[in-house]
Amino acid sequence: MALTKLNGLMLKKMMIAGANRLNEKKQTVDALNVFPVPDGDTGTNMSLTALAAAKEAEKENSLSISHVAKAISNGALRGARGNSGVITSQIFRGFAKGLEGLEEADTKALAQALQQAVKTAYKAVMKPKGGTILTVAKACADSASKIAENTEDIDLFLQKIIEDGNAMLLQTTEMLPVLKQAGVVDAGGKGLLCLLEGAFESRNSIEVIKIAEPIKQDNFAALASVENTSITFGYCTEFFILVKNASEKIVQNLKTYLATIGDSIVCVNDEELIKIHVHTDHPGLALEKALTIGELSGLKIDNMRQQHTNRIDFSDTKPVGKQKEIGYVAVSPGDGLTEIFQNLGVDEIIQGGQTMNPSTEDILNAIEKVNAKTVFVLPNNKNIILAGEQASKLTKQKNVIVIPSKTIPQGISAMLNIMAEDSEGIQQDMLESIKNVASASVTYAVRETTFDGKSIKQGDIIGMQEDNITVISESAEKGAKDLLHKVVTEDAEMISIYYGADVTLQEAEEIKQYAEDKFSSCDVELHRGGQPLYYYIISVE
């Protein structure tokens, strides 16, 4: 007898089986990522999102398909990782909306729910492109609407949807030039079909299906990675000097003096004022020097040693004390970068970025820990922005503003160039600053491919400007040097180099010296980033 309706328990079983299948195939999906970089993680992100959805579904024992669909949506919403995971969560969200109020669903109800799923997912993407997971999802939904008019048999209905979805998946290679060059289908579309295939194969199973063993992953709670004893200067001192059109000589003399009493110096000269950030044991001396230039405003002095102790002891407690106006959350892939963000005033750090994107819930938890009325979120990775925006929508008691920082340099620049004191002004400062920084990175190829006419072998060192591979080299040193010539322009003033976990200080200092020799008109700064997989991250302003 043909199966003509699905109830909640059936949908739960299918969700768990689909998530398990995607978990099994995640490496296959990851391998379809166009860029041959080590953080191509579409399959991993989709798998973690689906497993989070399955975990919530497992708790729901209702026969109502709408109740189970709602649980799936809630789990995916909070567990979403990366752009592919967020889009997947929106597919589940729309699907749940389409089934709202139903105890069971026939083929027509399922087809309507799939159309709602696609509609919701498309809304989540600002500029949808053909040849992506959205294209495959739409093909599945359109197929469902046609089939539902001719059959009530759910087995035939699902089988035909998957067939049509796979046919569209093959076409994605021709829809996007980057997919055609690499000779692959879209990774997100493949992941979606893996999930559907696993769900379909379990539809008639009488066995209890368990969720796959949890994937070992990093803890994405806020980090406290710097020991008190390693904080050389104890007071983070920030202020504005109200002076119009200060000369470069005045600014340089001030920086030189501050270097004698502290470190982590940031000196931003604007037409109306100079912004100072310095770590020192003698903030009074910094203020006295500044007063010889102009009046002071916006003074803030924090005891970093005390702050760090508090962060370690009470990181898992709810915020206490007086609520401040503005707070900051940032994603960081390395302990050195984490320290930099903390020194710039970021309240909560989420470990992640390359290779492992934090989930919506990770970001939400970090936001909740910040005792502020308005919280700015810096994703610092293009694949985390959607998860950040999703977390902002789940936050009820705070105003959350996600700055679309796609790179670490953009995030650092956003924090450095805050001049305003109100949230609207800070947002404008940040958005303007991320436009004015060029980002580049040096990593290695994880597989052989051809991209943009370039032949790339596994293990090659590749230099990237934003998303473009512009350098292929045999060593990280040469790759970094070649990349500098690509990214540094005639009007550049500042080069910041953040070296990764696999680079020694001596190697990094050689790159800094090279930059100083070749680009003498630029100030060159070297910082330990500690990021994995990426030998160097380079910022040019």
Protein backbone atom coordinates (compact mmCIF):
# COMPACT_ATOMS: atom_id res chain seq x y z
CA MET A 1 0.00 0.00 0.00
CA ALA A 2 1.40 3.36 -1.03
CA LEU A 3 2.42 5.87 1.62
CA THR A 4 0.21 8.96 1.11
CA LYS A 5 0.88 11.04 4.24
CA LEU A 6 3.79 11.92 6.50
CA ASN A 7 3.39 12.53 10.22
CA GLY A 8 5.77 14.01 12.78
CA LEU A 9 7.50 10.79 13.77
CA MET A 10 8.20 9.96 10.13
CA LEU A 11 9.62 13.41 9.49
CA LYS A 12 11.82 13.12 12.58
CA LYS A 13 13.24 9.81 11.37
CA MET A 14 13.87 11.24 7.92
CA MET A 15 15.58 14.34 9.34
CA ILE A 16 17.95 12.26 11.45
CA ALA A 17 18.75 9.94 8.54
CA GLY A 18 19.33 12.89 6.21
CA ALA A 19 21.65 14.57 8.67
CA ASN A 20 23.59 11.33 9.12
CA ARG A 21 23.98 10.93 5.36
CA LEU A 22 25.24 14.48 5.00
CA ASN A 23 27.64 13.88 7.88
CA GLU A 24 29.02 10.83 6.05
CA LYS A 25 29.42 12.77 2.81
CA LYS A 26 30.65 16.08 4.20
CA GLN A 27 34.24 15.57 2.97
CA THR A 28 32.96 14.84 -0.52
CA VAL A 29 30.96 18.06 -0.42
CA ASP A 30 33.91 20.01 1.03
CA ALA A 31 36.07 18.82 -1.87
CA LEU A 32 33.71 20.53 -4.33
CA ASN A 33 34.56 24.00 -3.03
CA VAL A 34 35.97 26.01 -5.91
CA PHE A 35 38.90 27.54 -4.04
CA PRO A 36 41.63 24.98 -3.25
CA VAL A 37 42.23 26.59 0.16
CA PRO A 38 42.21 24.57 3.42
CA ASP A 39 39.05 26.24 4.74
CA GLY A 40 36.65 25.05 2.03
CA ASP A 41 34.04 23.80 4.45
CA THR A 42 30.57 23.91 2.84
CA GLY A 43 29.90 20.24 3.64
CA THR A 44 31.13 20.55 7.21
CA ASN A 45 29.01 23.64 7.84
CA MET A 46 25.88 22.11 6.33
CA SER A 47 26.47 18.88 8.24
CA LEU A 48 26.81 20.64 11.59
CA THR A 49 23.67 22.65 10.85
CA ALA A 50 21.69 19.55 9.92
CA LEU A 51 22.92 17.63 12.99
CA ALA A 52 21.80 20.52 15.20
CA ALA A 53 18.38 20.35 13.54
CA ALA A 54 18.23 16.58 13.98
CA LYS A 55 19.14 16.88 17.65
CA GLU A 56 16.15 19.16 18.27
CA ALA A 57 13.89 16.89 16.22
CA GLU A 58 14.96 13.90 18.30
CA LYS A 59 13.55 15.58 21.42
CA GLU A 60 10.13 16.04 19.82
CA ASN A 61 7.80 13.02 20.18
CA SER A 62 4.66 14.57 18.73
CA LEU A 63 2.81 12.94 15.86
CA SER A 64 2.17 16.44 14.50
CA ILE A 65 4.34 17.13 11.49
CA SER A 66 4.15 20.88 12.18
CA HIS A 67 5.57 20.41 15.70
CA VAL A 68 8.50 18.38 14.44
CA ALA A 69 9.15 20.76 11.54
CA LYS A 70 9.20 23.64 14.02
CA ALA A 71 11.75 21.80 16.19
CA ILE A 72 13.91 21.17 13.11
CA SER A 73 13.72 24.84 12.20
CA ASN A 74 14.67 25.97 15.72
CA GLY A 75 17.64 23.60 15.87
CA ALA A 76 18.92 24.64 12.45
CA LEU A 77 18.43 28.32 13.20
CA ARG A 78 20.68 28.22 16.26
CA GLY A 79 23.11 25.65 14.93
CA ALA A 80 23.65 27.28 11.52
CA ARG A 81 27.32 27.67 10.52
CA GLY A 82 28.66 29.52 7.52
CA ASN A 83 26.66 30.85 4.59
CA SER A 84 25.69 27.39 3.43
CA GLY A 85 24.47 26.47 6.91
CA VAL A 86 22.45 29.67 7.27
CA ILE A 87 20.80 29.14 3.87
CA THR A 88 20.04 25.53 4.88
CA SER A 89 18.48 26.77 8.11
CA GLN A 90 16.29 29.16 6.14
CA ILE A 91 15.13 26.29 3.95
CA PHE A 92 14.07 24.43 7.11
CA ARG A 93 12.46 27.59 8.48
CA GLY A 94 10.35 28.12 5.37
CA PHE A 95 9.45 24.42 5.26
CA ALA A 96 8.18 24.65 8.85
CA LYS A 97 6.12 27.73 7.97
CA GLY A 98 4.53 25.86 5.11
CA LEU A 99 3.50 23.00 7.39
CA GLU A 100 2.24 25.20 10.22
CA GLY A 101 -0.91 23.82 11.90
CA LEU A 102 -0.84 20.46 10.10
CA GLU A 103 -0.92 17.07 11.82
CA GLU A 104 0.01 15.21 8.63
CA ALA A 105 1.10 16.26 5.15
CA ASP A 106 0.24 14.80 1.76
CA THR A 107 2.16 15.48 -1.44
CA LYS A 108 0.34 18.76 -2.10
CA ALA A 109 1.05 20.05 1.41
CA LEU A 110 4.69 19.01 1.13
CA ALA A 111 4.97 20.73 -2.26
CA GLN A 112 3.56 23.95 -0.82
CA ALA A 113 5.97 23.71 2.12
CA LEU A 114 8.91 23.27 -0.25
CA GLN A 115 7.86 26.36 -2.20
CA GLN A 116 7.73 28.30 1.07
CA ALA A 117 11.17 26.90 1.95
CA VAL A 118 12.69 28.23 -1.25
CA LYS A 119 10.96 31.58 -0.92
CA THR A 120 12.33 32.03 2.62
CA ALA A 121 15.85 30.97 1.63
CA TYR A 122 15.97 33.38 -1.31
CA LYS A 123 14.99 36.24 1.00
CA ALA A 124 18.00 35.49 3.21
CA VAL A 125 20.48 36.13 0.39
CA MET A 126 20.96 39.73 -0.73
CA LYS A 127 22.05 38.91 -4.29
CA PRO A 128 21.05 35.34 -5.22
CA LYS A 129 23.06 33.76 -8.03
CA GLY A 130 22.16 30.98 -10.41
CA GLY A 131 24.11 27.74 -10.03
CA THR A 132 24.00 27.58 -6.22
CA ILE A 133 22.17 25.66 -3.50
CA LEU A 134 19.23 28.02 -4.10
CA THR A 135 19.02 26.92 -7.72
CA VAL A 136 18.93 23.26 -6.73
CA ALA A 137 16.40 23.91 -3.98
CA LYS A 138 14.13 25.77 -6.41
CA ALA A 139 14.35 22.92 -8.92
CA CYS A 140 13.29 20.49 -6.18
CA ALA A 141 10.37 22.70 -5.15
CA ASP A 142 9.19 23.26 -8.72
CA SER A 143 9.42 19.54 -9.38
CA ALA A 144 7.37 18.88 -6.23
CA SER A 145 4.59 21.22 -7.35
CA LYS A 146 4.28 19.44 -10.72
CA ILE A 147 4.43 15.92 -9.29
CA ALA A 148 1.91 16.65 -6.53
CA GLU A 149 -0.73 17.34 -9.19
CA ASN A 150 -0.40 13.78 -10.52
CA THR A 151 0.34 11.54 -7.55
CA GLU A 152 -0.42 11.02 -3.86
CA ASP A 153 2.34 8.43 -3.52
CA ILE A 154 4.99 10.02 -1.32
CA ASP A 155 7.65 7.51 -2.39
CA LEU A 156 7.23 8.43 -6.07
CA PHE A 157 6.96 12.09 -5.10
CA LEU A 158 10.29 12.15 -3.22
CA GLN A 159 12.09 9.98 -5.77
CA LYS A 160 11.16 12.31 -8.64
CA ILE A 161 12.15 15.42 -6.65
CA ILE A 162 15.62 13.99 -6.02
CA GLU A 163 16.02 12.98 -9.67
CA ASP A 164 15.12 16.47 -10.86
CA GLY A 165 17.35 18.01 -8.19
CA ASN A 166 20.31 15.96 -9.36
CA ALA A 167 19.62 16.92 -12.97
CA MET A 168 19.74 20.59 -11.97
CA LEU A 169 22.88 19.99 -9.90
CA LEU A 170 24.71 18.81 -13.01
CA GLN A 171 23.69 22.01 -14.78
CA THR A 172 25.24 24.22 -12.10
CA THR A 173 28.67 23.54 -13.62
CA GLU A 174 27.63 25.55 -16.67
CA MET A 175 25.85 28.30 -14.72
CA LEU A 176 28.79 29.74 -12.84
CA PRO A 177 32.13 30.37 -14.61
CA VAL A 178 34.10 29.45 -11.49
CA LEU A 179 32.39 26.06 -11.31
CA LYS A 180 33.03 25.44 -14.99
CA GLN A 181 36.71 26.31 -14.67
CA ALA A 182 37.12 23.94 -11.74
CA GLY A 183 34.96 21.26 -13.40
CA VAL A 184 32.73 20.73 -10.36
CA VAL A 185 29.07 21.05 -9.39
CA ASP A 186 27.91 23.41 -6.66
CA ALA A 187 28.93 22.17 -3.20
CA GLY A 188 25.84 23.52 -1.41
CA GLY A 189 23.49 21.93 -3.92
CA LYS A 190 25.28 18.61 -3.55
CA GLY A 191 24.96 18.85 0.24
CA LEU A 192 21.23 19.50 0.02
CA LEU A 193 20.73 16.45 -2.18
CA CYS A 194 22.81 14.27 0.17
CA LEU A 195 20.42 15.26 2.94
CA LEU A 196 17.33 14.53 0.81
CA GLU A 197 18.72 11.18 -0.36
CA GLY A 198 19.41 10.07 3.20
CA ALA A 199 15.91 11.11 4.25
CA PHE A 200 14.32 9.29 1.29
CA GLU A 201 16.11 6.01 1.92
CA SER A 202 14.90 5.91 5.52
CA ARG A 203 11.23 6.56 4.79
CA ASN A 204 10.09 2.94 5.14
CA SER A 205 12.62 1.83 7.75
CA ILE A 206 11.17 0.35 10.93
CA GLU A 207 14.47 0.68 12.80
CA VAL A 208 15.13 3.45 15.27
CA ILE A 209 17.68 5.79 13.69
CA LYS A 210 20.19 7.45 16.00
CA ILE A 211 22.04 10.66 15.32
CA ALA A 212 25.63 10.14 14.20
CA GLU A 213 28.38 10.46 16.79
CA PRO A 214 29.05 14.12 17.53
CA ILE A 215 31.86 15.58 15.47
CA LYS A 216 34.88 16.60 17.53
CA GLN A 217 35.10 20.35 17.30
CA ASP A 218 36.63 23.32 19.04
CA ASN A 219 34.90 25.09 21.88
CA PHE A 220 33.68 28.39 20.52
CA ALA A 221 33.08 30.03 23.89
CA ALA A 222 34.80 33.34 24.56
CA LEU A 223 38.54 32.99 24.93
CA ALA A 224 40.80 34.32 27.65
CA SER A 225 44.08 33.45 26.01
CA VAL A 226 46.47 35.97 27.54
CA GLU A 227 48.02 35.36 30.94
CA ASN A 228 48.17 38.28 33.38
CA THR A 229 51.93 37.96 33.56
CA SER A 230 52.24 38.38 29.78
CA ILE A 231 50.55 41.80 29.79
CA THR A 232 53.61 44.06 29.66
CA PHE A 233 51.81 47.36 30.21
CA GLY A 234 48.77 47.31 32.45
CA TYR A 235 46.60 50.28 31.45
CA CYS A 236 44.72 50.53 28.16
CA THR A 237 44.50 54.30 27.65
CA GLU A 238 42.32 55.93 25.00
CA PHE A 239 41.42 59.55 24.36
CA PHE A 240 40.91 62.21 21.71
CA ILE A 241 43.10 65.30 21.29
CA LEU A 242 40.93 68.12 19.97
CA VAL A 243 43.19 69.78 17.41
CA LYS A 244 42.44 70.78 13.84
CA ASN A 245 44.70 69.71 10.98
CA ALA A 246 47.62 68.56 13.13
CA SER A 247 50.84 68.25 11.13
CA GLU A 248 52.47 64.91 10.47
CA LYS A 249 55.47 66.09 12.47
CA ILE A 250 53.33 66.63 15.58
CA VAL A 251 51.72 63.21 15.19
CA GLN A 252 55.05 61.46 14.60
CA ASN A 253 56.65 63.12 17.64
CA LEU A 254 53.70 62.03 19.75
CA LYS A 255 53.98 58.43 18.53
CA THR A 256 57.71 58.44 19.22
CA TYR A 257 57.14 59.64 22.78
CA LEU A 258 54.37 57.11 23.46
CA ALA A 259 56.68 54.33 22.29
CA THR A 260 59.02 55.20 25.18
CA ILE A 261 56.30 54.61 27.79
CA GLY A 262 54.15 51.85 26.26
CA ASP A 263 53.17 49.70 23.30
CA SER A 264 50.14 48.74 21.14
CA ILE A 265 50.09 52.35 19.96
CA VAL A 266 47.40 53.54 17.60
CA CYS A 267 47.47 57.16 16.51
CA VAL A 268 44.80 58.23 14.02
CA ASN A 269 44.99 61.80 12.73
CA ASP A 270 41.75 63.34 11.51
CA GLU A 271 40.94 66.88 10.40
CA GLU A 272 39.30 67.71 13.72
CA LEU A 273 41.17 65.55 16.23
CA ILE A 274 43.78 62.90 16.95
CA LYS A 275 42.65 59.56 18.36
CA ILE A 276 45.11 57.84 20.71
CA HIS A 277 45.22 54.26 21.95
CA VAL A 278 48.22 53.12 24.03
CA HIS A 279 49.07 50.47 26.61
CA THR A 280 51.21 51.94 29.35
CA ASP A 281 51.95 51.75 33.06
CA HIS A 282 51.90 55.57 33.21
CA PRO A 283 48.70 56.89 31.59
CA GLY A 284 49.26 60.26 33.28
CA LEU A 285 52.43 60.82 31.26
CA ALA A 286 50.56 60.10 28.03
CA LEU A 287 47.88 62.63 28.97
CA GLU A 288 50.42 65.30 29.94
CA LYS A 289 52.14 64.95 26.58
CA ALA A 290 48.81 65.12 24.78
CA LEU A 291 47.83 68.31 26.61
CA THR A 292 50.78 70.09 25.00
CA ILE A 293 48.96 69.59 21.67
CA GLY A 294 45.32 70.33 22.51
CA GLU A 295 42.33 69.72 24.76
CA LEU A 296 41.36 66.15 25.64
CA SER A 297 38.05 64.34 25.23
CA GLY A 298 36.65 60.81 25.46
CA LEU A 299 39.14 59.68 28.10
CA LYS A 300 39.02 55.95 29.00
CA ILE A 301 41.58 54.10 31.11
CA ASP A 302 41.14 50.37 31.80
CA ASN A 303 43.21 48.09 34.02
CA MET A 304 43.80 45.20 31.61
CA ARG A 305 45.18 42.85 34.26
CA GLN A 306 42.05 43.25 36.34
CA GLN A 307 39.82 42.96 33.28
CA HIS A 308 41.55 39.77 32.23
CA THR A 309 41.15 38.23 35.69
CA ASN A 310 37.45 39.03 35.61
CA ARG A 311 37.11 37.57 32.15
CA ILE A 312 38.63 34.27 33.22
CA ASP A 313 36.78 33.96 36.52
CA PHE A 314 33.34 34.99 35.39
CA SER A 315 33.16 34.29 31.64
CA ASP A 316 30.25 31.89 32.07
CA THR A 317 28.13 34.13 34.29
CA LYS A 318 25.51 36.61 33.18
CA PRO A 319 26.56 40.25 32.87
CA VAL A 320 26.33 42.15 36.15
CA GLY A 321 26.71 45.77 37.14
CA LYS A 322 25.76 48.88 35.25
CA GLN A 323 24.93 48.35 31.61
CA LYS A 324 27.11 50.37 29.23
CA GLU A 325 25.95 51.93 26.01
CA ILE A 326 28.22 50.15 23.48
CA GLY A 327 29.85 46.72 23.40
CA TYR A 328 31.74 44.65 20.83
CA VAL A 329 31.94 41.00 19.72
CA ALA A 330 34.51 39.76 17.20
CA VAL A 331 35.46 36.45 15.60
CA SER A 332 39.17 35.61 15.72
CA PRO A 333 41.07 32.63 14.28
CA GLY A 334 44.29 32.97 16.30
CA ASP A 335 45.42 33.78 19.82
CA GLY A 336 47.60 36.68 18.69
CA LEU A 337 44.69 38.21 16.79
CA THR A 338 42.48 37.59 19.80
CA GLU A 339 44.83 39.65 21.95
CA ILE A 340 44.82 42.44 19.39
CA PHE A 341 41.02 42.59 19.35
CA GLN A 342 40.87 42.53 23.14
CA ASN A 343 43.38 45.36 23.31
CA LEU A 344 41.23 47.38 20.91
CA GLY A 345 38.25 47.10 23.25
CA VAL A 346 36.37 44.02 22.03
CA ASP A 347 34.37 42.59 24.94
CA GLU A 348 33.83 39.02 23.73
CA ILE A 349 35.92 36.98 21.32
CA ILE A 350 34.55 33.97 19.46
CA GLN A 351 37.21 31.55 18.31
CA GLY A 352 36.68 30.61 14.71
CA GLY A 353 36.95 31.86 11.18
CA GLN A 354 39.04 29.75 8.83
CA THR A 355 38.29 26.00 8.87
CA MET A 356 35.53 26.25 11.47
CA ASN A 357 32.81 28.85 11.38
CA PRO A 358 31.03 29.59 14.67
CA SER A 359 27.33 28.85 14.76
CA THR A 360 24.50 31.31 15.14
CA GLU A 361 24.16 30.16 18.73
CA ASP A 362 27.88 30.73 19.42
CA ILE A 363 27.47 34.31 18.25
CA LEU A 364 24.21 34.71 20.16
CA ASN A 365 25.85 33.50 23.38
CA ALA A 366 28.70 35.98 22.96
CA ILE A 367 26.23 38.82 22.40
CA GLU A 368 24.34 37.89 25.56
CA LYS A 369 27.55 38.05 27.61
CA VAL A 370 28.17 41.67 26.67
CA ASN A 371 26.48 43.95 29.18
CA ALA A 372 25.64 46.72 26.75
CA LYS A 373 22.55 48.25 25.17
CA THR A 374 24.04 48.12 21.67
CA VAL A 375 26.42 45.36 20.60
CA PHE A 376 28.47 45.51 17.41
CA VAL A 377 29.40 42.15 15.86
CA LEU A 378 32.48 41.79 13.63
CA PRO A 379 32.34 38.42 11.77
CA ASN A 380 35.72 39.05 10.03
CA ASN A 381 34.95 36.35 7.48
CA LYS A 382 32.51 36.49 4.58
CA ASN A 383 31.22 33.05 5.53
CA ILE A 384 30.15 34.16 9.02
CA ILE A 385 28.23 37.34 8.17
CA LEU A 386 24.88 35.59 7.59
CA ALA A 387 25.18 33.69 10.87
CA GLY A 388 25.85 36.99 12.63
CA GLU A 389 22.80 38.58 11.04
CA GLN A 390 20.71 35.59 12.04
CA ALA A 391 21.93 35.90 15.64
CA SER A 392 21.00 39.59 15.65
CA LYS A 393 17.41 38.70 14.78
CA LEU A 394 17.24 36.27 17.70
CA THR A 395 18.39 38.88 20.21
CA LYS A 396 15.40 40.50 21.88
CA GLN A 397 16.77 42.82 24.57
CA LYS A 398 19.72 44.44 22.81
CA ASN A 399 20.30 46.43 19.68
CA VAL A 400 22.71 44.30 17.64
CA ILE A 401 24.53 45.75 14.64
CA VAL A 402 26.47 43.36 12.39
CA ILE A 403 29.31 45.05 10.52
CA PRO A 404 29.93 43.06 7.30
CA SER A 405 33.68 42.67 7.83
CA LYS A 406 34.85 39.95 5.45
CA THR A 407 38.47 39.76 6.63
CA ILE A 408 40.55 40.14 9.77
CA PRO A 409 42.14 43.39 8.48
CA GLN A 410 38.68 44.85 7.96
CA GLY A 411 37.69 43.94 11.52
CA ILE A 412 40.83 45.46 13.01
CA SER A 413 40.44 48.59 10.89
CA ALA A 414 36.82 48.93 12.02
CA MET A 415 37.87 48.90 15.68
CA LEU A 416 40.80 51.24 15.08
CA ASN A 417 38.84 53.95 13.33
CA ILE A 418 35.99 54.54 15.74
CA MET A 419 35.71 58.28 16.26
CA ALA A 420 32.05 58.68 17.22
CA GLU A 421 30.56 57.85 20.60
CA ASP A 422 26.95 57.04 19.62
CA SER A 423 25.94 53.80 17.92
CA GLU A 424 24.87 55.40 14.64
CA GLY A 425 28.14 57.28 14.33
CA ILE A 426 30.21 54.22 15.26
CA GLN A 427 28.42 52.18 12.62
CA GLN A 428 29.23 54.78 9.98
CA ASP A 429 32.86 54.94 11.11
CA MET A 430 33.19 51.18 10.86
CA LEU A 431 31.47 50.86 7.50
CA GLU A 432 33.66 53.59 6.07
CA SER A 433 36.86 52.08 7.46
CA ILE A 434 36.30 48.61 5.98
CA LYS A 435 36.06 50.21 2.53
CA ASN A 436 39.53 51.66 2.86
CA VAL A 437 41.54 48.56 3.74
CA ALA A 438 42.89 46.01 1.27
CA SER A 439 43.22 42.45 2.57
CA ALA A 440 45.52 39.70 1.36
CA SER A 441 46.62 36.31 2.66
CA VAL A 442 49.11 33.53 2.03
CA THR A 443 48.07 29.89 2.41
CA TYR A 444 48.50 26.59 0.53
CA ALA A 445 46.49 24.56 -1.98
CA VAL A 446 44.80 21.44 -0.65
CA ARG A 447 44.18 19.94 -4.08
CA GLU A 448 45.14 20.19 -7.72
CA THR A 449 42.92 22.45 -9.79
CA THR A 450 42.79 25.10 -12.48
CA PHE A 451 41.43 28.44 -11.41
CA ASP A 452 41.15 31.63 -13.46
CA GLY A 453 43.49 30.13 -16.03
CA LYS A 454 46.12 29.24 -13.45
CA SER A 455 47.28 25.66 -12.94
CA ILE A 456 47.54 24.91 -9.22
CA LYS A 457 49.09 21.78 -7.74
CA GLN A 458 48.40 20.39 -4.30
CA GLY A 459 50.83 21.92 -1.81
CA ASP A 460 51.48 25.07 -3.86
CA ILE A 461 51.69 28.29 -1.89
CA ILE A 462 48.91 30.62 -3.01
CA GLY A 463 48.54 34.34 -2.38
CA MET A 464 45.06 35.79 -2.35
CA GLN A 465 43.75 39.34 -2.63
CA GLU A 466 40.31 39.18 -1.09
CA ASP A 467 38.82 36.21 -3.04
CA ASN A 468 41.21 36.28 -5.98
CA ILE A 469 44.23 34.01 -6.32
CA THR A 470 46.93 36.31 -7.68
CA VAL A 471 50.14 34.54 -6.64
CA ILE A 472 51.32 30.95 -6.93
CA SER A 473 54.70 30.20 -5.38
CA GLU A 474 56.95 27.46 -4.05
CA SER A 475 57.45 28.99 -0.58
CA ALA A 476 55.54 31.09 1.93
CA GLU A 477 58.36 33.62 1.97
CA LYS A 478 58.35 34.20 -1.77
CA GLY A 479 54.57 34.08 -1.86
CA ALA A 480 54.33 36.84 0.76
CA LYS A 481 56.88 39.02 -1.06
CA ASP A 482 55.17 38.60 -4.42
CA LEU A 483 51.80 39.30 -2.85
CA LEU A 484 53.02 42.55 -1.32
CA HIS A 485 53.83 43.84 -4.81
CA LYS A 486 50.28 42.97 -5.89
CA VAL A 487 48.42 44.55 -3.00
CA VAL A 488 50.48 47.65 -2.09
CA THR A 489 49.43 50.63 -4.20
CA GLU A 490 51.15 53.98 -4.78
CA ASP A 491 48.90 55.79 -2.32
CA ALA A 492 49.29 53.17 0.45
CA GLU A 493 50.42 54.52 3.81
CA MET A 494 50.35 51.55 6.17
CA ILE A 495 51.20 47.85 5.81
CA SER A 496 50.29 45.51 8.67
CA ILE A 497 51.54 41.91 8.58
CA TYR A 498 50.02 39.25 10.86
CA TYR A 499 52.06 36.05 10.87
CA GLY A 500 50.50 32.68 11.54
CA ALA A 501 51.12 29.73 13.83
CA ASP A 502 53.41 28.01 11.31
CA VAL A 503 55.73 31.01 10.84
CA THR A 504 58.68 31.84 13.10
CA LEU A 505 59.37 35.37 14.32
CA GLN A 506 62.62 35.40 12.35
CA GLU A 507 60.83 34.48 9.12
CA ALA A 508 58.20 37.13 9.74
CA GLU A 509 60.79 39.80 10.48
CA GLU A 510 62.43 39.08 7.13
CA ILE A 511 59.12 39.80 5.40
CA LYS A 512 58.73 43.01 7.40
CA GLN A 513 62.24 44.12 6.44
CA TYR A 514 61.51 43.35 2.79
CA ALA A 515 58.35 45.45 2.95
CA GLU A 516 60.22 48.34 4.54
CA ASP A 517 62.93 48.19 1.88
CA LYS A 518 60.58 47.94 -1.09
CA PHE A 519 57.84 50.28 0.13
CA SER A 520 59.76 52.98 1.98
CA SER A 521 56.87 55.44 1.91
CA CYS A 522 54.75 53.10 4.04
CA ASP A 523 54.81 52.45 7.77
CA VAL A 524 55.19 48.69 8.28
CA GLU A 525 53.93 46.90 11.39
CA LEU A 526 54.44 43.24 12.31
CA HIS A 527 52.10 41.37 14.66
CA ARG A 528 51.83 37.76 15.75
CA GLY A 529 48.42 36.56 14.62
CA GLY A 530 48.77 32.92 15.57
CA GLN A 531 46.18 31.90 12.96
CA PRO A 532 46.33 28.32 11.62
CA LEU A 533 46.65 27.42 7.93
CA TYR A 534 47.30 30.98 6.75
CA TYR A 535 51.00 31.85 6.89
CA TYR A 536 50.40 35.57 6.56
CA ILE A 537 47.46 37.95 6.63
CA ILE A 538 48.34 41.32 5.15
CA SER A 539 46.49 44.60 5.57
CA VAL A 540 47.17 47.68 3.44
CA GLU A 541 45.66 51.10 4.07
